[in-house]
Amino acid sequence: YLCPLFPGLCLNCYECQSKDDTVCLDPFTDERKDIVGDAECDPKATHCVKYKTVMHLLDSGFITGRAREIVVVSRFCLIKPGASDGCIAVEGDGSFYIQCLCSTDNCNSGRSILPSILTVLVTCLTALWVMWR
């Protein structure tokens, strides 16, 4: 691999699965990130990905008779040339999943959308201020 010879050449992503380790679940705090650590991806990897699957299961009544929610989160490197960064959500029969692709180091942490909203808000307010000056 060329990655050890040329640092920064390969993408780094968080790699974990909540079915194996609950530390992968949301919220993915700084403490959890330190535990998981980032992984150097294959040189062909183009994206980091985060899958979040939520299933609603109804017990047969023998256990509790109530609906249960099962959440599985997976984070890993992905080879998907030409794919755009962003998220999609797919709803199915009693479940849904969200897939988020991104192409910068450790971007699959699933950080809050708040910084993006603040950036848009500040940009809009600045544009309005400049227009009305």
C-alpha atoms as a PDB file:
ATOM      1  CA  TYR A   1       0.000   0.000   0.000  1.00  0.00           C
ATOM      2  CA  LEU A   2       1.099   3.516  -0.767  1.00  0.00           C
ATOM      3  CA  CYS A   3      -0.728   5.035   2.179  1.00  0.00           C
ATOM      4  CA  PRO A   4       2.076   4.569   4.744  1.00  0.00           C
ATOM      5  CA  LEU A   5       4.566   6.081   2.290  1.00  0.00           C
ATOM      6  CA  PHE A   6       2.397   9.079   1.431  1.00  0.00           C
ATOM      7  CA  PRO A   7       0.332  10.191   4.446  1.00  0.00           C
ATOM      8  CA  GLY A   8      -2.866  11.911   3.425  1.00  0.00           C
ATOM      9  CA  LEU A   9      -3.157   9.918   0.195  1.00  0.00           C
ATOM     10  CA  CYS A  10      -5.827   7.565   1.546  1.00  0.00           C
ATOM     11  CA  LEU A  11      -9.178   8.379   3.058  1.00  0.00           C
ATOM     12  CA  ASN A  12      -9.691   7.731   6.790  1.00  0.00           C
ATOM     13  CA  CYS A  13     -13.118   6.692   8.079  1.00  0.00           C
ATOM     14  CA  TYR A  14     -14.606   5.467  11.325  1.00  0.00           C
ATOM     15  CA  GLU A  15     -15.262   1.727  11.104  1.00  0.00           C
ATOM     16  CA  CYS A  16     -17.621   0.007  13.520  1.00  0.00           C
ATOM     17  CA  GLN A  17     -20.971  -1.790  13.765  1.00  0.00           C
ATOM     18  CA  SER A  18     -23.382  -1.378  16.641  1.00  0.00           C
ATOM     19  CA  LYS A  19     -24.422  -5.035  16.423  1.00  0.00           C
ATOM     20  CA  ASP A  20     -20.873  -5.856  17.558  1.00  0.00           C
ATOM     21  CA  ASP A  21     -20.240  -2.845  19.786  1.00  0.00           C
ATOM     22  CA  THR A  22     -22.775  -0.336  21.124  1.00  0.00           C
ATOM     23  CA  VAL A  23     -20.091   2.383  21.105  1.00  0.00           C
ATOM     24  CA  CYS A  24     -20.945   2.799  17.383  1.00  0.00           C
ATOM     25  CA  LEU A  25     -24.498   3.998  18.149  1.00  0.00           C
ATOM     26  CA  ASP A  26     -25.594   7.639  18.011  1.00  0.00           C
ATOM     27  CA  PRO A  27     -24.787  10.026  19.513  1.00  0.00           C
ATOM     28  CA  PHE A  28     -21.240   9.362  18.307  1.00  0.00           C
ATOM     29  CA  THR A  29     -19.493  11.531  20.892  1.00  0.00           C
ATOM     30  CA  ASP A  30     -15.813  12.501  20.941  1.00  0.00           C
ATOM     31  CA  GLU A  31     -15.269   9.882  23.654  1.00  0.00           C
ATOM     32  CA  ARG A  32     -16.798   7.183  21.439  1.00  0.00           C
ATOM     33  CA  LYS A  33     -14.745   8.366  18.456  1.00  0.00           C
ATOM     34  CA  ASP A  34     -11.584   7.933  20.545  1.00  0.00           C
ATOM     35  CA  ILE A  35     -12.611   4.386  21.489  1.00  0.00           C
ATOM     36  CA  VAL A  36     -13.422   3.376  17.899  1.00  0.00           C
ATOM     37  CA  GLY A  37     -10.548   5.264  16.307  1.00  0.00           C
ATOM     38  CA  ASP A  38     -10.311   5.934  12.617  1.00  0.00           C
ATOM     39  CA  ALA A  39      -9.213   3.418  10.028  1.00  0.00           C
ATOM     40  CA  GLU A  40      -7.135   4.001   6.942  1.00  0.00           C
ATOM     41  CA  CYS A  41      -9.222   2.952   3.955  1.00  0.00           C
ATOM     42  CA  ASP A  42      -8.159   0.965   0.942  1.00  0.00           C
ATOM     43  CA  PRO A  43      -6.489   3.302  -1.589  1.00  0.00           C
ATOM     44  CA  LYS A  44      -9.471   2.754  -3.933  1.00  0.00           C
ATOM     45  CA  ALA A  45     -12.017   3.930  -1.335  1.00  0.00           C
ATOM     46  CA  THR A  46     -13.859   7.060  -2.397  1.00  0.00           C
ATOM     47  CA  HIS A  47     -16.258   7.629   0.486  1.00  0.00           C
ATOM     48  CA  CYS A  48     -16.970   7.084   4.143  1.00  0.00           C
ATOM     49  CA  VAL A  49     -20.474   5.802   4.805  1.00  0.00           C
ATOM     50  CA  LYS A  50     -22.840   5.665   7.740  1.00  0.00           C
ATOM     51  CA  TYR A  51     -25.866   3.368   7.596  1.00  0.00           C
ATOM     52  CA  LYS A  52     -28.537   3.641  10.248  1.00  0.00           C
ATOM     53  CA  THR A  53     -31.329   1.074  10.198  1.00  0.00           C
ATOM     54  CA  VAL A  54     -34.340   1.346  12.505  1.00  0.00           C
ATOM     55  CA  MET A  55     -36.769  -1.581  12.771  1.00  0.00           C
ATOM     56  CA  HIS A  56     -40.035  -1.646  14.690  1.00  0.00           C
ATOM     57  CA  LEU A  57     -40.923  -5.162  15.805  1.00  0.00           C
ATOM     58  CA  LEU A  58     -44.088  -6.239  17.544  1.00  0.00           C
ATOM     59  CA  ASP A  59     -43.678  -9.020  20.084  1.00  0.00           C
ATOM     60  CA  SER A  60     -46.055 -11.931  19.774  1.00  0.00           C
ATOM     61  CA  GLY A  61     -47.470 -11.146  23.190  1.00  0.00           C
ATOM     62  CA  PHE A  62     -45.600 -13.908  24.962  1.00  0.00           C
ATOM     63  CA  ILE A  63     -42.778 -11.576  25.920  1.00  0.00           C
ATOM     64  CA  THR A  64     -44.207  -8.110  26.496  1.00  0.00           C
ATOM     65  CA  GLY A  65     -46.858  -7.638  23.820  1.00  0.00           C
ATOM     66  CA  ARG A  66     -45.372  -4.255  22.934  1.00  0.00           C
ATOM     67  CA  ALA A  67     -43.485  -2.889  19.969  1.00  0.00           C
ATOM     68  CA  ARG A  68     -39.715  -2.818  20.201  1.00  0.00           C
ATOM     69  CA  GLU A  69     -37.316  -0.601  18.309  1.00  0.00           C
ATOM     70  CA  ILE A  70     -34.038  -2.039  17.105  1.00  0.00           C
ATOM     71  CA  VAL A  71     -31.363   0.346  15.829  1.00  0.00           C
ATOM     72  CA  VAL A  72     -28.257  -0.784  13.966  1.00  0.00           C
ATOM     73  CA  VAL A  73     -25.540   1.697  12.959  1.00  0.00           C
ATOM     74  CA  SER A  74     -22.628   0.821  10.675  1.00  0.00           C
ATOM     75  CA  ARG A  75     -19.734   3.081   9.698  1.00  0.00           C
ATOM     76  CA  PHE A  76     -17.089   2.092   7.156  1.00  0.00           C
ATOM     77  CA  CYS A  77     -15.074   2.879   3.996  1.00  0.00           C
ATOM     78  CA  LEU A  78     -16.737   2.466   0.610  1.00  0.00           C
ATOM     79  CA  ILE A  79     -15.579   2.230  -2.992  1.00  0.00           C
ATOM     80  CA  LYS A  80     -18.221   4.085  -5.009  1.00  0.00           C
ATOM     81  CA  PRO A  81     -16.616   6.280  -7.707  1.00  0.00           C
ATOM     82  CA  GLY A  82     -18.827   9.051  -9.023  1.00  0.00           C
ATOM     83  CA  ALA A  83     -21.202   9.009  -6.050  1.00  0.00           C
ATOM     84  CA  SER A  84     -22.233  12.344  -4.566  1.00  0.00           C
ATOM     85  CA  ASP A  85     -21.938  13.270  -0.917  1.00  0.00           C
ATOM     86  CA  GLY A  86     -25.270  13.328   0.891  1.00  0.00           C
ATOM     87  CA  CYS A  87     -27.932  11.235   2.563  1.00  0.00           C
ATOM     88  CA  ILE A  88     -30.888   9.187   1.399  1.00  0.00           C
ATOM     89  CA  ALA A  89     -33.652   7.657   3.480  1.00  0.00           C
ATOM     90  CA  VAL A  90     -35.603   4.554   2.476  1.00  0.00           C
ATOM     91  CA  GLU A  91     -38.739   3.454   4.293  1.00  0.00           C
ATOM     92  CA  GLY A  92     -39.919  -0.127   4.228  1.00  0.00           C
ATOM     93  CA  ASP A  93     -42.396  -2.357   5.989  1.00  0.00           C
ATOM     94  CA  GLY A  94     -41.979  -1.396   9.650  1.00  0.00           C
ATOM     95  CA  SER A  95     -38.440  -0.131   9.189  1.00  0.00           C
ATOM     96  CA  PHE A  96     -36.330   2.521   7.528  1.00  0.00           C
ATOM     97  CA  TYR A  97     -32.695   3.154   6.855  1.00  0.00           C
ATOM     98  CA  ILE A  98     -30.585   6.206   6.242  1.00  0.00           C
ATOM     99  CA  GLN A  99     -27.419   6.060   4.167  1.00  0.00           C
ATOM    100  CA  CYS A 100     -25.011   8.990   4.294  1.00  0.00           C
ATOM    101  CA  LEU A 101     -21.976   9.189   2.001  1.00  0.00           C
ATOM    102  CA  CYS A 102     -19.163  11.703   2.413  1.00  0.00           C
ATOM    103  CA  SER A 103     -15.682  12.041   0.974  1.00  0.00           C
ATOM    104  CA  THR A 104     -13.500  13.704   3.622  1.00  0.00           C
ATOM    105  CA  ASP A 105     -11.532  12.145   6.468  1.00  0.00           C
ATOM    106  CA  ASN A 106     -13.684  10.827   9.334  1.00  0.00           C
ATOM    107  CA  CYS A 107     -16.804  12.492   7.976  1.00  0.00           C
ATOM    108  CA  ASN A 108     -19.004   9.491   8.859  1.00  0.00           C
ATOM    109  CA  SER A 109     -19.256  10.485  12.504  1.00  0.00           C
ATOM    110  CA  GLY A 110     -22.790  11.750  11.893  1.00  0.00           C
ATOM    111  CA  ARG A 111     -22.101  15.086  13.519  1.00  0.00           C
ATOM    112  CA  SER A 112     -24.920  17.486  14.190  1.00  0.00           C
ATOM    113  CA  ILE A 113     -26.557  19.409  11.356  1.00  0.00           C
ATOM    114  CA  LEU A 114     -26.419  22.551  13.511  1.00  0.00           C
ATOM    115  CA  PRO A 115     -23.106  23.869  12.104  1.00  0.00           C
ATOM    116  CA  SER A 116     -24.527  23.625   8.570  1.00  0.00           C
ATOM    117  CA  ILE A 117     -27.680  25.485   9.568  1.00  0.00           C
ATOM    118  CA  LEU A 118     -25.612  28.188  11.269  1.00  0.00           C
ATOM    119  CA  THR A 119     -23.419  28.556   8.186  1.00  0.00           C
ATOM    120  CA  VAL A 120     -26.455  28.991   5.928  1.00  0.00           C
ATOM    121  CA  LEU A 121     -28.055  31.455   8.340  1.00  0.00           C
ATOM    122  CA  VAL A 122     -24.916  33.602   8.658  1.00  0.00           C
ATOM    123  CA  THR A 123     -24.422  33.566   4.881  1.00  0.00           C
ATOM    124  CA  CYS A 124     -28.023  34.667   4.254  1.00  0.00           C
ATOM    125  CA  LEU A 125     -27.872  37.408   6.871  1.00  0.00           C
ATOM    126  CA  THR A 126     -24.578  38.685   5.450  1.00  0.00           C
ATOM    127  CA  ALA A 127     -26.035  38.732   1.923  1.00  0.00           C
ATOM    128  CA  LEU A 128     -29.094  40.664   3.134  1.00  0.00           C
ATOM    129  CA  TRP A 129     -26.895  43.148   5.004  1.00  0.00           C
ATOM    130  CA  VAL A 130     -24.752  43.735   1.891  1.00  0.00           C
ATOM    131  CA  MET A 131     -27.850  44.186  -0.321  1.00  0.00           C
ATOM    132  CA  TRP A 132     -29.437  46.766   1.989  1.00  0.00           C
ATOM    133  CA  ARG A 133     -26.271  48.786   2.633  1.00  0.00           C
END
